[in-house]
């Protein structure tokens, strides 16, 4: 499982139109293995469309929020060595404001 930990305002928002980092951590399975493949996507239209996003240092996502205020949804895809895949989606993970 992936745990996202964005640092948001007291009202639970981030700035629209700005670069924003979303730290994440991987909660390992019972076997303690890291995933073989790990990919992230972000959606700014409540999950209608998704775009890939890159990790920085294996510890956080670097996003650039659109100028228009709205919601941010996050998706992680983990695949283990046996080919088992977990897709974790958090719709409306947080809101952006101007």
PDB file of N, CA and C in Angstrom:
ATOM      1  N   UNK A   1       0.839  -1.164   0.000  1.00  0.00           N
ATOM      2  CA  UNK A   1       0.000   0.000   0.000  1.00  0.00           C
ATOM      3  C   UNK A   1       0.894   1.241   0.000  1.00  0.00           C
ATOM      4  N   UNK A   2       0.430   2.273  -0.679  1.00  0.00           N
ATOM      5  CA  UNK A   2       1.123   3.559  -0.709  1.00  0.00           C
ATOM      6  C   UNK A   2       0.405   4.516   0.227  1.00  0.00           C
ATOM      7  N   UNK A   3       1.167   5.243   0.992  1.00  0.00           N
ATOM      8  CA  UNK A   3       0.594   6.281   1.848  1.00  0.00           C
ATOM      9  C   UNK A   3       1.103   7.627   1.347  1.00  0.00           C
ATOM     10  N   UNK A   4       0.168   8.469   0.872  1.00  0.00           N
ATOM     11  CA  UNK A   4       0.501   9.818   0.427  1.00  0.00           C
ATOM     12  C   UNK A   4       0.401  10.759   1.620  1.00  0.00           C
ATOM     13  N   UNK A   5       1.348  11.712   1.713  1.00  0.00           N
ATOM     14  CA  UNK A   5       1.382  12.630   2.855  1.00  0.00           C
ATOM     15  C   UNK A   5       1.602  14.072   2.407  1.00  0.00           C
ATOM     16  N   UNK A   6       0.678  14.637   1.612  1.00  0.00           N
ATOM     17  CA  UNK A   6       0.881  16.026   1.182  1.00  0.00           C
ATOM     18  C   UNK A   6       0.776  16.981   2.367  1.00  0.00           C
ATOM     19  N   UNK A   7       1.607  18.003   2.368  1.00  0.00           N
ATOM     20  CA  UNK A   7       1.544  19.024   3.414  1.00  0.00           C
ATOM     21  C   UNK A   7       0.598  20.109   2.907  1.00  0.00           C
ATOM     22  N   UNK A   8      -0.589  20.145   3.488  1.00  0.00           N
ATOM     23  CA  UNK A   8      -1.648  21.040   3.040  1.00  0.00           C
ATOM     24  C   UNK A   8      -1.866  22.166   4.040  1.00  0.00           C
ATOM     25  N   UNK A   9      -2.661  23.158   3.638  1.00  0.00           N
ATOM     26  CA  UNK A   9      -3.021  24.241   4.547  1.00  0.00           C
ATOM     27  C   UNK A   9      -3.913  23.682   5.652  1.00  0.00           C
ATOM     28  N   UNK A  10      -4.224  24.505   6.637  1.00  0.00           N
ATOM     29  CA  UNK A  10      -5.112  24.064   7.715  1.00  0.00           C
ATOM     30  C   UNK A  10      -6.495  23.690   7.197  1.00  0.00           C
ATOM     31  N   UNK A  11      -6.880  24.252   6.056  1.00  0.00           N
ATOM     32  CA  UNK A  11      -8.181  23.915   5.465  1.00  0.00           C
ATOM     33  C   UNK A  11      -8.090  22.715   4.518  1.00  0.00           C
ATOM     34  N   UNK A  12      -6.916  22.085   4.439  1.00  0.00           N
ATOM     35  CA  UNK A  12      -6.744  20.881   3.636  1.00  0.00           C
ATOM     36  C   UNK A  12      -6.612  21.132   2.149  1.00  0.00           C
ATOM     37  N   UNK A  13      -6.036  22.280   1.774  1.00  0.00           N
ATOM     38  CA  UNK A  13      -5.889  22.627   0.362  1.00  0.00           C
ATOM     39  C   UNK A  13      -4.436  22.933   0.017  1.00  0.00           C
ATOM     40  N   UNK A  14      -4.184  22.990  -1.301  1.00  0.00           N
ATOM     41  CA  UNK A  14      -2.888  23.413  -1.837  1.00  0.00           C
ATOM     42  C   UNK A  14      -3.163  24.513  -2.857  1.00  0.00           C
ATOM     43  N   UNK A  15      -2.118  25.236  -3.250  1.00  0.00           N
ATOM     44  CA  UNK A  15      -2.282  26.348  -4.185  1.00  0.00           C
ATOM     45  C   UNK A  15      -2.429  25.854  -5.626  1.00  0.00           C
ATOM     46  N   UNK A  16      -3.416  26.406  -6.321  1.00  0.00           N
ATOM     47  CA  UNK A  16      -3.582  26.140  -7.751  1.00  0.00           C
ATOM     48  C   UNK A  16      -2.482  26.874  -8.504  1.00  0.00           C
ATOM     49  N   UNK A  17      -2.069  26.321  -9.638  1.00  0.00           N
ATOM     50  CA  UNK A  17      -1.082  26.974 -10.486  1.00  0.00           C
ATOM     51  C   UNK A  17       0.343  26.929  -9.974  1.00  0.00           C
ATOM     52  N   UNK A  18       0.595  26.154  -8.963  1.00  0.00           N
ATOM     53  CA  UNK A  18       1.929  26.087  -8.354  1.00  0.00           C
ATOM     54  C   UNK A  18       2.469  24.662  -8.390  1.00  0.00           C
ATOM     55  N   UNK A  19       3.797  24.580  -8.325  1.00  0.00           N
ATOM     56  CA  UNK A  19       4.447  23.275  -8.183  1.00  0.00           C
ATOM     57  C   UNK A  19       4.224  22.803  -6.751  1.00  0.00           C
ATOM     58  N   UNK A  20       4.022  21.508  -6.588  1.00  0.00           N
ATOM     59  CA  UNK A  20       3.676  20.973  -5.278  1.00  0.00           C
ATOM     60  C   UNK A  20       4.267  19.580  -5.143  1.00  0.00           C
ATOM     61  N   UNK A  21       4.861  19.306  -4.012  1.00  0.00           N
ATOM     62  CA  UNK A  21       5.446  17.995  -3.748  1.00  0.00           C
ATOM     63  C   UNK A  21       4.523  17.186  -2.845  1.00  0.00           C
ATOM     64  N   UNK A  22       4.361  15.921  -3.199  1.00  0.00           N
ATOM     65  CA  UNK A  22       3.538  15.006  -2.410  1.00  0.00           C
ATOM     66  C   UNK A  22       4.429  13.859  -1.942  1.00  0.00           C
ATOM     67  N   UNK A  23       4.864  13.891  -0.686  1.00  0.00           N
ATOM     68  CA  UNK A  23       5.654  12.772  -0.160  1.00  0.00           C
ATOM     69  C   UNK A  23       4.809  11.493  -0.125  1.00  0.00           C
ATOM     70  N   UNK A  24       5.471  10.360  -0.305  1.00  0.00           N
ATOM     71  CA  UNK A  24       4.774   9.084  -0.200  1.00  0.00           C
ATOM     72  C   UNK A  24       5.688   8.075   0.473  1.00  0.00           C
ATOM     73  N   UNK A  25       5.068   7.058   1.029  1.00  0.00           N
ATOM     74  CA  UNK A  25       5.829   5.950   1.602  1.00  0.00           C
ATOM     75  C   UNK A  25       5.156   4.652   1.180  1.00  0.00           C
ATOM     76  N   UNK A  26       5.950   3.604   1.122  1.00  0.00           N
ATOM     77  CA  UNK A  26       5.454   2.287   0.741  1.00  0.00           C
ATOM     78  C   UNK A  26       5.343   1.452   2.001  1.00  0.00           C
ATOM     79  N   UNK A  27       4.144   0.960   2.274  1.00  0.00           N
ATOM     80  CA  UNK A  27       3.950   0.038   3.387  1.00  0.00           C
ATOM     81  C   UNK A  27       4.127  -1.357   2.819  1.00  0.00           C
ATOM     82  N   UNK A  28       5.169  -2.000   3.244  1.00  0.00           N
ATOM     83  CA  UNK A  28       5.559  -3.286   2.653  1.00  0.00           C
ATOM     84  C   UNK A  28       4.627  -4.412   3.065  1.00  0.00           C
ATOM     85  N   UNK A  29       4.559  -5.393   2.182  1.00  0.00           N
ATOM     86  CA  UNK A  29       3.755  -6.590   2.450  1.00  0.00           C
ATOM     87  C   UNK A  29       4.421  -7.415   3.542  1.00  0.00           C
ATOM     88  N   UNK A  30       3.758  -8.457   3.955  1.00  0.00           N
ATOM     89  CA  UNK A  30       4.279  -9.309   5.026  1.00  0.00           C
ATOM     90  C   UNK A  30       5.673  -9.831   4.702  1.00  0.00           C
ATOM     91  N   UNK A  31       5.937 -10.091   3.435  1.00  0.00           N
ATOM     92  CA  UNK A  31       7.250 -10.607   3.043  1.00  0.00           C
ATOM     93  C   UNK A  31       8.322  -9.524   3.084  1.00  0.00           C
ATOM     94  N   UNK A  32       7.918  -8.273   3.223  1.00  0.00           N
ATOM     95  CA  UNK A  32       8.885  -7.183   3.323  1.00  0.00           C
ATOM     96  C   UNK A  32       9.536  -6.801   2.011  1.00  0.00           C
ATOM     97  N   UNK A  33       8.958  -7.200   0.898  1.00  0.00           N
ATOM     98  CA  UNK A  33       9.549  -6.926  -0.407  1.00  0.00           C
ATOM     99  C   UNK A  33       9.052  -5.601  -0.978  1.00  0.00           C
ATOM    100  N   UNK A  34       9.954  -4.866  -1.604  1.00  0.00           N
ATOM    101  CA  UNK A  34       9.561  -3.675  -2.343  1.00  0.00           C
ATOM    102  C   UNK A  34       8.942  -4.106  -3.666  1.00  0.00           C
ATOM    103  N   UNK A  35       8.047  -3.290  -4.238  1.00  0.00           N
ATOM    104  CA  UNK A  35       7.466  -3.670  -5.524  1.00  0.00           C
ATOM    105  C   UNK A  35       8.512  -3.697  -6.630  1.00  0.00           C
ATOM    106  N   UNK A  36       8.292  -4.571  -7.609  1.00  0.00           N
ATOM    107  CA  UNK A  36       9.173  -4.656  -8.775  1.00  0.00           C
ATOM    108  C   UNK A  36       8.995  -3.422  -9.655  1.00  0.00           C
ATOM    109  N   UNK A  37       7.729  -3.001  -9.822  1.00  0.00           N
ATOM    110  CA  UNK A  37       7.406  -1.808 -10.605  1.00  0.00           C
ATOM    111  C   UNK A  37       6.495  -0.917  -9.783  1.00  0.00           C
ATOM    112  N   UNK A  38       6.685   0.385  -9.925  1.00  0.00           N
ATOM    113  CA  UNK A  38       5.871   1.359  -9.210  1.00  0.00           C
ATOM    114  C   UNK A  38       5.654   2.547 -10.129  1.00  0.00           C
ATOM    115  N   UNK A  39       4.402   2.894 -10.375  1.00  0.00           N
ATOM    116  CA  UNK A  39       4.076   4.018 -11.255  1.00  0.00           C
ATOM    117  C   UNK A  39       2.986   4.857 -10.599  1.00  0.00           C
ATOM    118  N   UNK A  40       3.011   6.149 -10.887  1.00  0.00           N
ATOM    119  CA  UNK A  40       2.033   7.076 -10.321  1.00  0.00           C
ATOM    120  C   UNK A  40       1.348   7.859 -11.426  1.00  0.00           C
ATOM    121  N   UNK A  41       0.090   8.214 -11.171  1.00  0.00           N
ATOM    122  CA  UNK A  41      -0.671   9.063 -12.081  1.00  0.00           C
ATOM    123  C   UNK A  41      -1.420  10.104 -11.261  1.00  0.00           C
ATOM    124  N   UNK A  42      -1.756  11.219 -11.911  1.00  0.00           N
ATOM    125  CA  UNK A  42      -2.516  12.284 -11.272  1.00  0.00           C
ATOM    126  C   UNK A  42      -3.665  12.674 -12.192  1.00  0.00           C
ATOM    127  N   UNK A  43      -4.782  13.055 -11.589  1.00  0.00           N
ATOM    128  CA  UNK A  43      -5.939  13.531 -12.342  1.00  0.00           C
ATOM    129  C   UNK A  43      -6.391  14.851 -11.737  1.00  0.00           C
ATOM    130  N   UNK A  44      -6.696  15.791 -12.605  1.00  0.00           N
ATOM    131  CA  UNK A  44      -7.211  17.088 -12.161  1.00  0.00           C
ATOM    132  C   UNK A  44      -8.669  17.273 -12.566  1.00  0.00           C
ATOM    133  N   UNK A  45      -9.321  16.200 -13.034  1.00  0.00           N
ATOM    134  CA  UNK A  45     -10.727  16.277 -13.436  1.00  0.00           C
ATOM    135  C   UNK A  45     -11.548  15.158 -12.782  1.00  0.00           C
ATOM    136  N   UNK A  46     -11.246  14.898 -11.531  1.00  0.00           N
ATOM    137  CA  UNK A  46     -11.950  13.912 -10.703  1.00  0.00           C
ATOM    138  C   UNK A  46     -11.916  12.503 -11.290  1.00  0.00           C
ATOM    139  N   UNK A  47     -10.790  12.166 -11.924  1.00  0.00           N
ATOM    140  CA  UNK A  47     -10.571  10.805 -12.390  1.00  0.00           C
ATOM    141  C   UNK A  47     -11.048  10.502 -13.795  1.00  0.00           C
ATOM    142  N   UNK A  48     -11.515  11.508 -14.523  1.00  0.00           N
ATOM    143  CA  UNK A  48     -11.940  11.272 -15.904  1.00  0.00           C
ATOM    144  C   UNK A  48     -10.739  10.940 -16.779  1.00  0.00           C
ATOM    145  N   UNK A  49      -9.668  11.707 -16.634  1.00  0.00           N
ATOM    146  CA  UNK A  49      -8.422  11.437 -17.360  1.00  0.00           C
ATOM    147  C   UNK A  49      -7.273  11.402 -16.364  1.00  0.00           C
ATOM    148  N   UNK A  50      -6.252  10.617 -16.707  1.00  0.00           N
ATOM    149  CA  UNK A  50      -5.081  10.458 -15.843  1.00  0.00           C
ATOM    150  C   UNK A  50      -3.827  10.740 -16.650  1.00  0.00           C
ATOM    151  N   UNK A  51      -2.837  11.334 -15.989  1.00  0.00           N
ATOM    152  CA  UNK A  51      -1.548  11.553 -16.637  1.00  0.00           C
ATOM    153  C   UNK A  51      -0.437  11.034 -15.727  1.00  0.00           C
ATOM    154  N   UNK A  52       0.589  10.431 -16.317  1.00  0.00           N
ATOM    155  CA  UNK A  52       1.690   9.916 -15.497  1.00  0.00           C
ATOM    156  C   UNK A  52       2.435  11.053 -14.814  1.00  0.00           C
ATOM    157  N   UNK A  53       2.943  10.764 -13.648  1.00  0.00           N
ATOM    158  CA  UNK A  53       3.771  11.724 -12.926  1.00  0.00           C
ATOM    159  C   UNK A  53       5.024  11.006 -12.454  1.00  0.00           C
ATOM    160  N   UNK A  54       6.080  11.752 -12.284  1.00  0.00           N
ATOM    161  CA  UNK A  54       7.362  11.154 -11.912  1.00  0.00           C
ATOM    162  C   UNK A  54       7.621  11.300 -10.425  1.00  0.00           C
ATOM    163  N   UNK A  55       8.407  10.349  -9.933  1.00  0.00           N
ATOM    164  CA  UNK A  55       8.853  10.446  -8.554  1.00  0.00           C
ATOM    165  C   UNK A  55      10.199  11.155  -8.523  1.00  0.00           C
ATOM    166  N   UNK A  56      10.469  11.790  -7.406  1.00  0.00           N
ATOM    167  CA  UNK A  56      11.750  12.465  -7.198  1.00  0.00           C
ATOM    168  C   UNK A  56      12.403  11.817  -5.988  1.00  0.00           C
ATOM    169  N   UNK A  57      13.576  11.250  -6.207  1.00  0.00           N
ATOM    170  CA  UNK A  57      14.315  10.633  -5.116  1.00  0.00           C
ATOM    171  C   UNK A  57      13.650   9.405  -4.524  1.00  0.00           C
ATOM    172  N   UNK A  58      12.628   8.881  -5.190  1.00  0.00           N
ATOM    173  CA  UNK A  58      11.928   7.717  -4.661  1.00  0.00           C
ATOM    174  C   UNK A  58      11.155   8.000  -3.394  1.00  0.00           C
ATOM    175  N   UNK A  59      10.923   9.304  -3.115  1.00  0.00           N
ATOM    176  CA  UNK A  59      10.254   9.665  -1.870  1.00  0.00           C
ATOM    177  C   UNK A  59       9.050  10.569  -2.042  1.00  0.00           C
ATOM    178  N   UNK A  60       8.938  11.236  -3.197  1.00  0.00           N
ATOM    179  CA  UNK A  60       7.802  12.136  -3.383  1.00  0.00           C
ATOM    180  C   UNK A  60       7.484  12.348  -4.862  1.00  0.00           C
ATOM    181  N   UNK A  61       6.264  12.806  -5.096  1.00  0.00           N
ATOM    182  CA  UNK A  61       5.821  13.184  -6.432  1.00  0.00           C
ATOM    183  C   UNK A  61       6.021  14.680  -6.587  1.00  0.00           C
ATOM    184  N   UNK A  62       6.370  15.115  -7.774  1.00  0.00           N
ATOM    185  CA  UNK A  62       6.484  16.539  -8.068  1.00  0.00           C
ATOM    186  C   UNK A  62       5.395  16.884  -9.074  1.00  0.00           C
ATOM    187  N   UNK A  63       4.391  17.624  -8.621  1.00  0.00           N
ATOM    188  CA  UNK A  63       3.237  17.969  -9.443  1.00  0.00           C
ATOM    189  C   UNK A  63       3.237  19.460  -9.737  1.00  0.00           C
ATOM    190  N   UNK A  64       2.635  19.842 -10.844  1.00  0.00           N
ATOM    191  CA  UNK A  64       2.358  21.250 -11.120  1.00  0.00           C
ATOM    192  C   UNK A  64       0.855  21.356 -11.296  1.00  0.00           C
ATOM    193  N   UNK A  65       0.207  21.967 -10.305  1.00  0.00           N
ATOM    194  CA  UNK A  65      -1.240  22.083 -10.337  1.00  0.00           C
ATOM    195  C   UNK A  65      -1.680  23.059 -11.419  1.00  0.00           C
ATOM    196  N   UNK A  66      -2.803  22.780 -12.091  1.00  0.00           N
ATOM    197  CA  UNK A  66      -3.340  23.737 -13.054  1.00  0.00           C
ATOM    198  C   UNK A  66      -3.707  25.052 -12.360  1.00  0.00           C
ATOM    199  N   UNK A  67      -3.767  26.131 -13.143  1.00  0.00           N
ATOM    200  CA  UNK A  67      -4.089  27.451 -12.589  1.00  0.00           C
ATOM    201  C   UNK A  67      -5.514  27.515 -12.045  1.00  0.00           C
ATOM    202  N   UNK A  68      -6.405  26.743 -12.642  1.00  0.00           N
ATOM    203  CA  UNK A  68      -7.796  26.740 -12.199  1.00  0.00           C
ATOM    204  C   UNK A  68      -7.931  25.883 -10.939  1.00  0.00           C
ATOM    205  N   UNK A  69      -8.629  26.409  -9.942  1.00  0.00           N
ATOM    206  CA  UNK A  69      -8.843  25.664  -8.702  1.00  0.00           C
ATOM    207  C   UNK A  69      -9.676  24.419  -8.985  1.00  0.00           C
ATOM    208  N   UNK A  70      -9.436  23.368  -8.227  1.00  0.00           N
ATOM    209  CA  UNK A  70     -10.188  22.127  -8.412  1.00  0.00           C
ATOM    210  C   UNK A  70      -9.692  21.052  -7.473  1.00  0.00           C
ATOM    211  N   UNK A  71      -9.860  19.811  -7.894  1.00  0.00           N
ATOM    212  CA  UNK A  71      -9.441  18.695  -7.051  1.00  0.00           C
ATOM    213  C   UNK A  71      -8.253  17.976  -7.671  1.00  0.00           C
ATOM    214  N   UNK A  72      -7.544  17.246  -6.818  1.00  0.00           N
ATOM    215  CA  UNK A  72      -6.400  16.441  -7.245  1.00  0.00           C
ATOM    216  C   UNK A  72      -6.670  15.005  -6.808  1.00  0.00           C
ATOM    217  N   UNK A  73      -6.616  14.092  -7.772  1.00  0.00           N
ATOM    218  CA  UNK A  73      -6.758  12.668  -7.478  1.00  0.00           C
ATOM    219  C   UNK A  73      -5.425  11.989  -7.756  1.00  0.00           C
ATOM    220  N   UNK A  74      -5.090  10.995  -6.953  1.00  0.00           N
ATOM    221  CA  UNK A  74      -3.802  10.310  -7.065  1.00  0.00           C
ATOM    222  C   UNK A  74      -4.014   8.819  -7.278  1.00  0.00           C
ATOM    223  N   UNK A  75      -3.136   8.216  -8.081  1.00  0.00           N
ATOM    224  CA  UNK A  75      -3.211   6.778  -8.337  1.00  0.00           C
ATOM    225  C   UNK A  75      -1.801   6.191  -8.304  1.00  0.00           C
ATOM    226  N   UNK A  76      -1.683   5.046  -7.651  1.00  0.00           N
ATOM    227  CA  UNK A  76      -0.420   4.302  -7.621  1.00  0.00           C
ATOM    228  C   UNK A  76      -0.672   2.905  -8.172  1.00  0.00           C
ATOM    229  N   UNK A  77       0.282   2.410  -8.968  1.00  0.00           N
ATOM    230  CA  UNK A  77       0.218   1.046  -9.498  1.00  0.00           C
ATOM    231  C   UNK A  77       1.484   0.323  -9.066  1.00  0.00           C
ATOM    232  N   UNK A  78       1.317  -0.732  -8.272  1.00  0.00           N
ATOM    233  CA  UNK A  78       2.442  -1.518  -7.781  1.00  0.00           C
ATOM    234  C   UNK A  78       2.363  -2.913  -8.378  1.00  0.00           C
ATOM    235  N   UNK A  79       3.485  -3.428  -8.846  1.00  0.00           N
ATOM    236  CA  UNK A  79       3.548  -4.786  -9.381  1.00  0.00           C
ATOM    237  C   UNK A  79       4.689  -5.516  -8.691  1.00  0.00           C
ATOM    238  N   UNK A  80       4.396  -6.734  -8.185  1.00  0.00           N
ATOM    239  CA  UNK A  80       5.445  -7.502  -7.519  1.00  0.00           C
ATOM    240  C   UNK A  80       6.173  -8.395  -8.519  1.00  0.00           C
ATOM    241  N   UNK A  81       7.137  -9.145  -8.027  1.00  0.00           N
ATOM    242  CA  UNK A  81       7.964 -10.002  -8.895  1.00  0.00           C
ATOM    243  C   UNK A  81       7.175 -11.114  -9.574  1.00  0.00           C
ATOM    244  N   UNK A  82       6.045 -11.474  -8.995  1.00  0.00           N
ATOM    245  CA  UNK A  82       5.215 -12.532  -9.571  1.00  0.00           C
ATOM    246  C   UNK A  82       4.201 -11.987 -10.571  1.00  0.00           C
ATOM    247  N   UNK A  83       4.192 -10.675 -10.759  1.00  0.00           N
ATOM    248  CA  UNK A  83       3.264 -10.063 -11.707  1.00  0.00           C
ATOM    249  C   UNK A  83       1.933  -9.641 -11.113  1.00  0.00           C
ATOM    250  N   UNK A  84       1.759  -9.827  -9.801  1.00  0.00           N
ATOM    251  CA  UNK A  84       0.539  -9.371  -9.145  1.00  0.00           C
ATOM    252  C   UNK A  84       0.544  -7.847  -9.096  1.00  0.00           C
ATOM    253  N   UNK A  85      -0.592  -7.245  -9.387  1.00  0.00           N
ATOM    254  CA  UNK A  85      -0.668  -5.787  -9.442  1.00  0.00           C
ATOM    255  C   UNK A  85      -1.715  -5.261  -8.476  1.00  0.00           C
ATOM    256  N   UNK A  86      -1.378  -4.184  -7.794  1.00  0.00           N
ATOM    257  CA  UNK A  86      -2.299  -3.460  -6.928  1.00  0.00           C
ATOM    258  C   UNK A  86      -2.440  -2.062  -7.502  1.00  0.00           C
ATOM    259  N   UNK A  87      -3.673  -1.634  -7.713  1.00  0.00           N
ATOM    260  CA  UNK A  87      -3.940  -0.270  -8.153  1.00  0.00           C
ATOM    261  C   UNK A  87      -4.670   0.424  -7.017  1.00  0.00           C
ATOM    262  N   UNK A  88      -4.092   1.500  -6.535  1.00  0.00           N
ATOM    263  CA  UNK A  88      -4.663   2.245  -5.419  1.00  0.00           C
ATOM    264  C   UNK A  88      -5.012   3.644  -5.914  1.00  0.00           C
ATOM    265  N   UNK A  89      -6.287   4.003  -5.854  1.00  0.00           N
ATOM    266  CA  UNK A  89      -6.756   5.293  -6.344  1.00  0.00           C
ATOM    267  C   UNK A  89      -7.388   6.075  -5.207  1.00  0.00           C
ATOM    268  N   UNK A  90      -7.001   7.335  -5.080  1.00  0.00           N
ATOM    269  CA  UNK A  90      -7.610   8.231  -4.101  1.00  0.00           C
ATOM    270  C   UNK A  90      -8.206   9.396  -4.885  1.00  0.00           C
ATOM    271  N   UNK A  91      -9.521   9.327  -5.095  1.00  0.00           N
ATOM    272  CA  UNK A  91     -10.200  10.404  -5.807  1.00  0.00           C
ATOM    273  C   UNK A  91     -10.398  11.579  -4.861  1.00  0.00           C
ATOM    274  N   UNK A  92     -10.171  12.788  -5.392  1.00  0.00           N
ATOM    275  CA  UNK A  92     -10.297  14.022  -4.608  1.00  0.00           C
ATOM    276  C   UNK A  92      -9.432  13.946  -3.343  1.00  0.00           C
ATOM    277  N   UNK A  93      -8.188  13.558  -3.525  1.00  0.00           N
ATOM    278  CA  UNK A  93      -7.260  13.444  -2.396  1.00  0.00           C
ATOM    279  C   UNK A  93      -7.141  14.771  -1.651  1.00  0.00           C
ATOM    280  N   UNK A  94      -7.152  15.860  -2.417  1.00  0.00           N
ATOM    281  CA  UNK A  94      -7.173  17.201  -1.825  1.00  0.00           C
ATOM    282  C   UNK A  94      -7.634  18.192  -2.875  1.00  0.00           C
ATOM    283  N   UNK A  95      -7.942  19.404  -2.423  1.00  0.00           N
ATOM    284  CA  UNK A  95      -8.412  20.469  -3.307  1.00  0.00           C
ATOM    285  C   UNK A  95      -7.324  21.508  -3.506  1.00  0.00           C
ATOM    286  N   UNK A  96      -7.406  22.218  -4.625  1.00  0.00           N
ATOM    287  CA  UNK A  96      -6.521  23.360  -4.850  1.00  0.00           C
ATOM    288  C   UNK A  96      -7.364  24.631  -4.859  1.00  0.00           C
ATOM    289  N   UNK A  97      -6.759  25.720  -4.392  1.00  0.00           N
ATOM    290  CA  UNK A  97      -7.427  27.021  -4.355  1.00  0.00           C
ATOM    291  C   UNK A  97      -6.501  28.075  -4.925  1.00  0.00           C
ATOM    292  N   UNK A  98      -7.066  29.166  -5.368  1.00  0.00           N
ATOM    293  CA  UNK A  98      -6.256  30.268  -5.917  1.00  0.00           C
ATOM    294  C   UNK A  98      -5.678  31.102  -4.806  1.00  0.00           C
TER     295      UNK A  98
END
